[in-house]
N, C-alpha and C. Protein backbone atom coordinates (compact mmCIF):
# COMPACT_ATOMS: atom_id res chain seq x y z
N ARG A 1 249.74 222.07 111.74
CA ARG A 1 249.48 221.01 112.68
C ARG A 1 249.56 221.59 114.08
N GLN A 2 248.60 221.22 114.92
CA GLN A 2 248.57 221.65 116.30
C GLN A 2 248.43 220.42 117.18
N GLY A 3 248.96 220.50 118.38
CA GLY A 3 248.81 219.36 119.28
C GLY A 3 249.52 219.59 120.58
N GLY A 4 249.45 218.58 121.39
CA GLY A 4 250.09 218.64 122.68
C GLY A 4 250.13 217.27 123.30
N GLY A 5 250.87 217.18 124.37
CA GLY A 5 250.96 215.89 125.05
C GLY A 5 251.73 216.03 126.33
N GLY A 6 251.78 214.96 127.05
CA GLY A 6 252.52 214.94 128.30
C GLY A 6 252.74 213.51 128.73
N GLY A 7 253.66 213.35 129.66
CA GLY A 7 253.97 212.01 130.13
C GLY A 7 254.50 212.05 131.54
N ALA A 8 254.63 210.86 132.11
CA ALA A 8 255.13 210.75 133.47
C ALA A 8 255.85 209.42 133.64
N LEU A 9 256.79 209.43 134.56
CA LEU A 9 257.53 208.23 134.93
C LEU A 9 257.46 208.15 136.45
N LEU A 10 257.10 206.98 136.94
CA LEU A 10 256.96 206.79 138.38
C LEU A 10 257.78 205.59 138.80
N ASP A 11 258.77 205.83 139.65
CA ASP A 11 259.53 204.73 140.24
C ASP A 11 258.70 204.22 141.41
N LEU A 12 258.06 203.06 141.22
CA LEU A 12 257.17 202.52 142.24
C LEU A 12 257.96 202.08 143.47
N ALA A 13 258.90 201.22 143.27
CA ALA A 13 259.80 200.73 144.31
C ALA A 13 260.89 200.00 143.55
N HIS A 14 262.12 200.19 143.99
CA HIS A 14 263.20 199.53 143.25
C HIS A 14 262.90 198.04 143.22
N PRO A 15 262.85 197.43 142.09
CA PRO A 15 263.29 197.87 140.78
C PRO A 15 262.15 198.08 139.78
N LEU A 16 260.98 198.55 140.22
CA LEU A 16 259.85 198.69 139.30
C LEU A 16 259.61 200.14 138.89
N ARG A 17 259.31 200.34 137.61
CA ARG A 17 259.08 201.67 137.06
C ARG A 17 257.83 201.61 136.18
N LEU A 18 256.96 202.59 136.34
CA LEU A 18 255.74 202.72 135.55
C LEU A 18 255.86 203.98 134.69
N THR A 19 255.53 203.88 133.40
CA THR A 19 255.62 205.04 132.51
C THR A 19 254.29 205.22 131.77
N GLY A 20 254.02 206.43 131.36
CA GLY A 20 252.82 206.69 130.58
C GLY A 20 252.88 208.04 129.92
N ASP A 21 252.19 208.16 128.80
CA ASP A 21 252.08 209.45 128.14
C ASP A 21 250.81 209.47 127.30
N ALA A 22 250.38 210.67 126.97
CA ALA A 22 249.21 210.86 126.11
C ALA A 22 249.49 212.04 125.19
N ARG A 23 248.92 211.99 124.01
CA ARG A 23 249.14 213.06 123.04
C ARG A 23 247.93 213.22 122.14
N THR A 24 247.80 214.39 121.59
CA THR A 24 246.73 214.68 120.66
C THR A 24 247.24 215.67 119.63
N SER A 25 246.73 215.59 118.42
CA SER A 25 247.11 216.55 117.38
C SER A 25 245.99 216.64 116.36
N SER A 26 246.02 217.75 115.61
CA SER A 26 245.06 217.92 114.53
C SER A 26 245.68 218.84 113.48
N ILE A 27 245.11 218.79 112.30
CA ILE A 27 245.52 219.68 111.22
C ILE A 27 244.36 220.61 110.95
N ALA A 28 244.57 221.90 111.19
CA ALA A 28 243.52 222.92 111.00
C ALA A 28 242.24 222.58 111.75
N GLY A 29 242.38 221.99 112.94
CA GLY A 29 241.22 221.67 113.75
C GLY A 29 240.44 220.44 113.31
N THR A 30 240.90 219.77 112.27
CA THR A 30 240.23 218.55 111.80
C THR A 30 241.23 217.41 111.80
N ARG A 31 240.78 216.26 111.38
CA ARG A 31 241.63 215.06 111.31
C ARG A 31 242.40 214.85 112.63
N ARG A 32 241.68 214.84 113.73
CA ARG A 32 242.29 214.71 115.05
C ARG A 32 242.82 213.29 115.25
N GLN A 33 243.98 213.21 115.88
CA GLN A 33 244.57 211.93 116.28
C GLN A 33 244.87 211.99 117.77
N ASN A 34 244.53 210.92 118.48
CA ASN A 34 244.78 210.82 119.90
C ASN A 34 245.55 209.53 120.17
N GLY A 35 246.49 209.60 121.08
CA GLY A 35 247.26 208.41 121.40
C GLY A 35 247.69 208.39 122.85
N TRP A 36 247.99 207.21 123.32
CA TRP A 36 248.52 207.04 124.67
C TRP A 36 249.42 205.81 124.70
N THR A 37 250.31 205.78 125.66
CA THR A 37 251.23 204.66 125.86
C THR A 37 251.35 204.41 127.35
N GLY A 38 251.40 203.15 127.73
CA GLY A 38 251.65 202.78 129.11
C GLY A 38 252.70 201.69 129.15
N GLY A 39 253.57 201.76 130.12
CA GLY A 39 254.62 200.77 130.20
C GLY A 39 254.98 200.41 131.64
N LEU A 40 255.57 199.24 131.78
CA LEU A 40 256.04 198.75 133.07
C LEU A 40 257.40 198.13 132.85
N GLU A 41 258.35 198.49 133.71
CA GLU A 41 259.71 197.96 133.57
C GLU A 41 260.22 197.53 134.95
N GLY A 42 260.87 196.41 134.95
CA GLY A 42 261.59 195.94 136.12
C GLY A 42 263.05 195.80 135.73
N TYR A 43 263.96 196.29 136.53
CA TYR A 43 265.36 196.30 136.13
C TYR A 43 266.26 195.93 137.30
N ARG A 44 267.43 195.42 136.96
CA ARG A 44 268.46 195.00 137.92
C ARG A 44 267.90 194.06 138.98
N PHE A 45 267.20 193.01 138.51
CA PHE A 45 266.61 192.05 139.44
C PHE A 45 267.64 191.17 140.13
N THR A 46 268.67 190.81 139.43
CA THR A 46 269.64 189.87 139.97
C THR A 46 271.05 190.39 139.70
N ALA A 47 272.04 189.60 140.11
CA ALA A 47 273.44 189.96 139.82
C ALA A 47 273.68 189.98 138.31
N LEU A 48 272.81 189.34 137.53
CA LEU A 48 272.94 189.33 136.07
C LEU A 48 272.31 190.57 135.42
N ASN A 49 271.84 191.52 136.22
CA ASN A 49 271.17 192.72 135.73
C ASN A 49 269.98 192.39 134.83
N LEU A 50 269.18 191.43 135.23
CA LEU A 50 267.98 191.06 134.48
C LEU A 50 267.02 192.24 134.43
N ALA A 51 266.51 192.52 133.24
CA ALA A 51 265.51 193.58 133.06
C ALA A 51 264.35 193.01 132.25
N LEU A 52 263.13 193.33 132.64
CA LEU A 52 261.91 192.92 131.93
C LEU A 52 261.09 194.18 131.69
N ARG A 53 260.50 194.28 130.49
CA ARG A 53 259.68 195.46 130.22
C ARG A 53 258.54 195.12 129.27
N ALA A 54 257.47 195.88 129.40
CA ALA A 54 256.31 195.73 128.53
C ALA A 54 255.74 197.12 128.28
N ARG A 55 255.21 197.31 127.08
CA ARG A 55 254.65 198.61 126.70
C ARG A 55 253.45 198.36 125.80
N TYR A 56 252.41 199.16 125.99
CA TYR A 56 251.23 199.09 125.13
C TYR A 56 250.91 200.50 124.67
N SER A 57 250.68 200.68 123.37
CA SER A 57 250.35 201.99 122.81
C SER A 57 249.09 201.88 121.97
N ARG A 58 248.35 202.96 121.93
CA ARG A 58 247.13 203.01 121.13
C ARG A 58 247.07 204.38 120.46
N LEU A 59 246.74 204.39 119.18
CA LEU A 59 246.60 205.63 118.42
C LEU A 59 245.33 205.52 117.58
N SER A 60 244.50 206.55 117.62
CA SER A 60 243.28 206.52 116.82
C SER A 60 243.06 207.89 116.20
N GLY A 61 242.44 207.87 115.05
CA GLY A 61 242.13 209.10 114.34
C GLY A 61 242.32 208.92 112.85
N SER A 62 241.81 209.85 112.08
CA SER A 62 241.89 209.82 110.61
C SER A 62 241.37 208.51 110.05
N GLY A 63 240.39 207.92 110.73
CA GLY A 63 239.77 206.70 110.22
C GLY A 63 240.52 205.43 110.54
N LEU A 64 241.65 205.50 111.25
CA LEU A 64 242.42 204.30 111.57
C LEU A 64 242.56 204.13 113.08
N GLU A 65 242.71 202.88 113.49
CA GLU A 65 242.98 202.55 114.89
C GLU A 65 244.22 201.67 114.90
N ASN A 66 245.25 202.09 115.65
CA ASN A 66 246.50 201.34 115.74
C ASN A 66 246.77 200.97 117.19
N SER A 67 247.28 199.77 117.37
CA SER A 67 247.74 199.37 118.69
C SER A 67 249.07 198.65 118.55
N LEU A 68 249.88 198.76 119.60
CA LEU A 68 251.21 198.16 119.60
C LEU A 68 251.47 197.61 120.99
N ALA A 69 251.85 196.35 121.07
CA ALA A 69 252.27 195.74 122.32
C ALA A 69 253.70 195.24 122.12
N ALA A 70 254.60 195.68 122.99
CA ALA A 70 256.01 195.31 122.85
C ALA A 70 256.53 194.80 124.19
N TYR A 71 257.39 193.79 124.13
CA TYR A 71 257.93 193.15 125.31
C TYR A 71 259.44 192.97 125.14
N GLY A 72 260.15 192.92 126.24
CA GLY A 72 261.58 192.69 126.14
C GLY A 72 262.15 192.15 127.43
N ALA A 73 263.26 191.46 127.30
CA ALA A 73 264.01 190.95 128.44
C ALA A 73 265.48 191.05 128.09
N SER A 74 266.29 191.45 129.05
CA SER A 74 267.72 191.54 128.81
C SER A 74 268.47 191.14 130.06
N LEU A 75 269.72 190.76 129.86
CA LEU A 75 270.59 190.43 130.98
C LEU A 75 272.04 190.61 130.58
N ASP A 76 272.87 190.75 131.59
CA ASP A 76 274.31 190.90 131.43
C ASP A 76 274.98 189.76 132.20
N PRO A 77 275.12 188.57 131.59
CA PRO A 77 275.69 187.44 132.32
C PRO A 77 277.15 187.65 132.70
N LEU A 78 277.87 188.48 131.96
CA LEU A 78 279.25 188.83 132.27
C LEU A 78 279.40 190.34 132.09
N ALA A 79 280.41 190.92 132.68
CA ALA A 79 280.58 192.37 132.61
C ALA A 79 280.74 192.86 131.18
N TRP A 80 281.21 192.04 130.27
CA TRP A 80 281.48 192.44 128.89
C TRP A 80 280.45 191.89 127.90
N LEU A 81 279.33 191.32 128.39
CA LEU A 81 278.34 190.67 127.53
C LEU A 81 276.92 191.12 127.88
N HIS A 82 276.18 191.55 126.87
CA HIS A 82 274.77 191.95 127.04
C HIS A 82 273.93 191.19 126.02
N VAL A 83 272.85 190.56 126.49
CA VAL A 83 271.95 189.79 125.62
C VAL A 83 270.53 190.34 125.82
N GLU A 84 269.81 190.50 124.70
CA GLU A 84 268.46 191.04 124.78
C GLU A 84 267.53 190.29 123.83
N LEU A 85 266.30 190.02 124.29
CA LEU A 85 265.24 189.42 123.47
C LEU A 85 264.08 190.39 123.45
N THR A 86 263.49 190.59 122.27
CA THR A 86 262.36 191.50 122.14
C THR A 86 261.28 190.86 121.27
N GLY A 87 260.09 191.34 121.41
CA GLY A 87 258.99 190.85 120.59
C GLY A 87 257.79 191.76 120.74
N GLY A 88 256.82 191.53 119.90
CA GLY A 88 255.62 192.34 120.00
C GLY A 88 254.67 192.12 118.85
N GLN A 89 253.59 192.88 118.88
CA GLN A 89 252.57 192.79 117.84
C GLN A 89 251.99 194.18 117.59
N ARG A 90 251.80 194.48 116.31
CA ARG A 90 251.17 195.73 115.90
C ARG A 90 249.90 195.39 115.12
N THR A 91 248.83 196.09 115.42
CA THR A 91 247.55 195.89 114.72
C THR A 91 247.06 197.24 114.20
N THR A 92 246.69 197.27 112.94
CA THR A 92 246.09 198.47 112.33
C THR A 92 244.71 198.09 111.82
N ARG A 93 243.70 198.86 112.24
CA ARG A 93 242.32 198.59 111.80
C ARG A 93 241.78 199.81 111.07
N ASP A 94 241.04 199.51 110.01
CA ASP A 94 240.29 200.54 109.29
C ASP A 94 238.83 200.14 109.42
N PRO A 95 238.12 200.65 110.44
CA PRO A 95 236.73 200.23 110.68
C PRO A 95 235.80 200.53 109.50
N LEU A 96 236.04 201.62 108.78
CA LEU A 96 235.17 201.97 107.66
C LEU A 96 235.30 200.98 106.51
N ALA A 97 236.51 200.55 106.23
CA ALA A 97 236.74 199.59 105.13
C ALA A 97 236.63 198.14 105.60
N GLY A 98 236.56 197.94 106.93
CA GLY A 98 236.49 196.58 107.45
C GLY A 98 237.79 195.80 107.30
N LEU A 99 238.93 196.51 107.29
CA LEU A 99 240.23 195.86 107.12
C LEU A 99 241.01 195.86 108.43
N GLU A 100 241.84 194.83 108.57
CA GLU A 100 242.72 194.73 109.73
C GLU A 100 244.03 194.09 109.29
N GLU A 101 245.13 194.67 109.73
CA GLU A 101 246.45 194.12 109.45
C GLU A 101 247.17 193.88 110.76
N ARG A 102 247.74 192.68 110.92
CA ARG A 102 248.50 192.34 112.12
C ARG A 102 249.91 191.94 111.72
N SER A 103 250.86 192.42 112.47
CA SER A 103 252.23 191.97 112.26
C SER A 103 252.86 191.69 113.63
N ARG A 104 253.74 190.71 113.65
CA ARG A 104 254.43 190.30 114.87
C ARG A 104 255.93 190.30 114.61
N TRP A 105 256.71 190.52 115.64
CA TRP A 105 258.14 190.43 115.48
C TRP A 105 258.78 189.80 116.70
N LEU A 106 259.90 189.16 116.47
CA LEU A 106 260.77 188.61 117.50
C LEU A 106 262.19 188.99 117.13
N GLY A 107 262.97 189.36 118.11
CA GLY A 107 264.33 189.76 117.82
C GLY A 107 265.26 189.43 118.96
N THR A 108 266.53 189.41 118.65
CA THR A 108 267.56 189.21 119.66
C THR A 108 268.75 190.10 119.33
N ASP A 109 269.41 190.57 120.36
CA ASP A 109 270.59 191.41 120.21
C ASP A 109 271.68 190.88 121.13
N LEU A 110 272.90 190.98 120.65
CA LEU A 110 274.08 190.54 121.39
C LEU A 110 275.12 191.64 121.31
N ASP A 111 275.61 192.10 122.44
CA ASP A 111 276.65 193.12 122.49
C ASP A 111 277.83 192.57 123.29
N VAL A 112 279.02 192.63 122.71
CA VAL A 112 280.22 192.08 123.35
C VAL A 112 281.32 193.12 123.31
N THR A 113 281.87 193.44 124.48
CA THR A 113 283.04 194.31 124.55
C THR A 113 284.26 193.41 124.48
N LEU A 114 285.09 193.63 123.45
CA LEU A 114 286.28 192.81 123.22
C LEU A 114 287.52 193.54 123.72
N PRO A 115 288.61 192.79 123.93
CA PRO A 115 289.87 193.43 124.34
C PRO A 115 290.36 194.39 123.24
N GLY A 116 291.20 195.32 123.63
CA GLY A 116 291.78 196.24 122.66
C GLY A 116 290.81 197.29 122.17
N ARG A 117 289.85 197.70 122.99
CA ARG A 117 288.87 198.73 122.64
C ARG A 117 287.98 198.35 121.45
N ALA A 118 287.77 197.08 121.26
CA ALA A 118 286.90 196.62 120.18
C ALA A 118 285.52 196.28 120.75
N TYR A 119 284.52 196.40 119.89
CA TYR A 119 283.13 196.18 120.30
C TYR A 119 282.42 195.43 119.18
N LEU A 120 281.75 194.34 119.53
CA LEU A 120 281.02 193.52 118.56
C LEU A 120 279.54 193.58 118.90
N ASN A 121 278.71 193.78 117.89
CA ASN A 121 277.28 193.69 118.13
C ASN A 121 276.63 192.93 116.97
N ALA A 122 275.61 192.17 117.34
CA ALA A 122 274.88 191.37 116.36
C ALA A 122 273.40 191.47 116.70
N SER A 123 272.57 191.43 115.67
CA SER A 123 271.14 191.58 115.85
C SER A 123 270.41 190.73 114.82
N TYR A 124 269.29 190.12 115.22
CA TYR A 124 268.45 189.37 114.31
C TYR A 124 267.00 189.69 114.63
N GLU A 125 266.20 189.91 113.58
CA GLU A 125 264.78 190.19 113.78
C GLU A 125 263.97 189.45 112.73
N ASP A 126 262.87 188.86 113.16
CA ASP A 126 261.96 188.14 112.28
C ASP A 126 260.59 188.79 112.38
N ASP A 127 260.15 189.42 111.30
CA ASP A 127 258.84 190.07 111.25
C ASP A 127 257.90 189.20 110.44
N ALA A 128 256.74 188.89 111.01
CA ALA A 128 255.77 188.03 110.33
C ALA A 128 254.44 188.76 110.23
N GLY A 129 253.66 188.39 109.23
CA GLY A 129 252.37 189.03 109.03
C GLY A 129 252.54 190.37 108.35
N GLY A 130 251.48 191.10 108.25
CA GLY A 130 251.56 192.41 107.61
C GLY A 130 251.79 192.31 106.12
N LEU A 131 252.04 193.44 105.51
CA LEU A 131 252.20 193.49 104.07
C LEU A 131 253.61 193.10 103.61
N SER A 132 254.60 193.20 104.48
CA SER A 132 255.97 192.90 104.06
C SER A 132 256.73 192.15 105.14
N PRO A 133 256.46 190.85 105.31
CA PRO A 133 257.23 190.08 106.28
C PRO A 133 258.70 190.05 105.88
N MET A 134 259.60 189.98 106.87
CA MET A 134 261.02 189.98 106.55
C MET A 134 261.82 189.38 107.69
N ARG A 135 263.02 188.98 107.34
CA ARG A 135 264.04 188.57 108.31
C ARG A 135 265.24 189.47 108.09
N GLN A 136 265.81 189.94 109.16
CA GLN A 136 266.91 190.88 109.05
C GLN A 136 267.99 190.52 110.05
N ALA A 137 269.23 190.47 109.59
CA ALA A 137 270.38 190.21 110.46
C ALA A 137 271.38 191.34 110.30
N TYR A 138 272.03 191.68 111.39
CA TYR A 138 273.01 192.75 111.38
C TYR A 138 274.20 192.31 112.21
N PHE A 139 275.37 192.64 111.74
CA PHE A 139 276.60 192.31 112.46
C PHE A 139 277.52 193.51 112.35
N GLY A 140 278.10 193.92 113.46
CA GLY A 140 279.00 195.07 113.43
C GLY A 140 280.21 194.85 114.31
N LEU A 141 281.32 195.36 113.89
CA LEU A 141 282.56 195.31 114.65
C LEU A 141 283.12 196.72 114.66
N SER A 142 283.33 197.28 115.85
CA SER A 142 283.81 198.64 115.97
C SER A 142 285.11 198.65 116.77
N TRP A 143 285.91 199.64 116.50
CA TRP A 143 287.12 199.86 117.28
C TRP A 143 287.12 201.31 117.72
N ARG A 144 287.27 201.52 119.02
CA ARG A 144 287.27 202.87 119.57
C ARG A 144 288.68 203.44 119.56
N PHE A 145 288.80 204.69 119.11
CA PHE A 145 290.11 205.36 119.06
C PHE A 145 290.51 205.84 120.41
């Protein structure tokens, strides 16, 4: 496999950041795949540390075309509490077979720093569409030594 890529991050003006990258690869000079990603993030908008971000990626090659759009928002309403919401959509197309698969997801994360060096985190994600829709919940409690 051979390939290469590069990327850049540009701080436009506090609090805006623009990101991008591009990549290409092939196996023995054939089956070439090309991809790129672009993103925009705004961070620390308010005293609540509000952050907003969006990213779009595209990958094509080997007879498939993939795209991904992802969005997120997070805030820290208290020094010991972080809340995040995420979502997005992925699309895979096979132009030769005339097939298209779309999947969407929504998720939320909660991080809480507890007294006594304890840390609680919880996560929920709902994936719809695609070949294997699912709902997933995670809960963790950690103690730091």
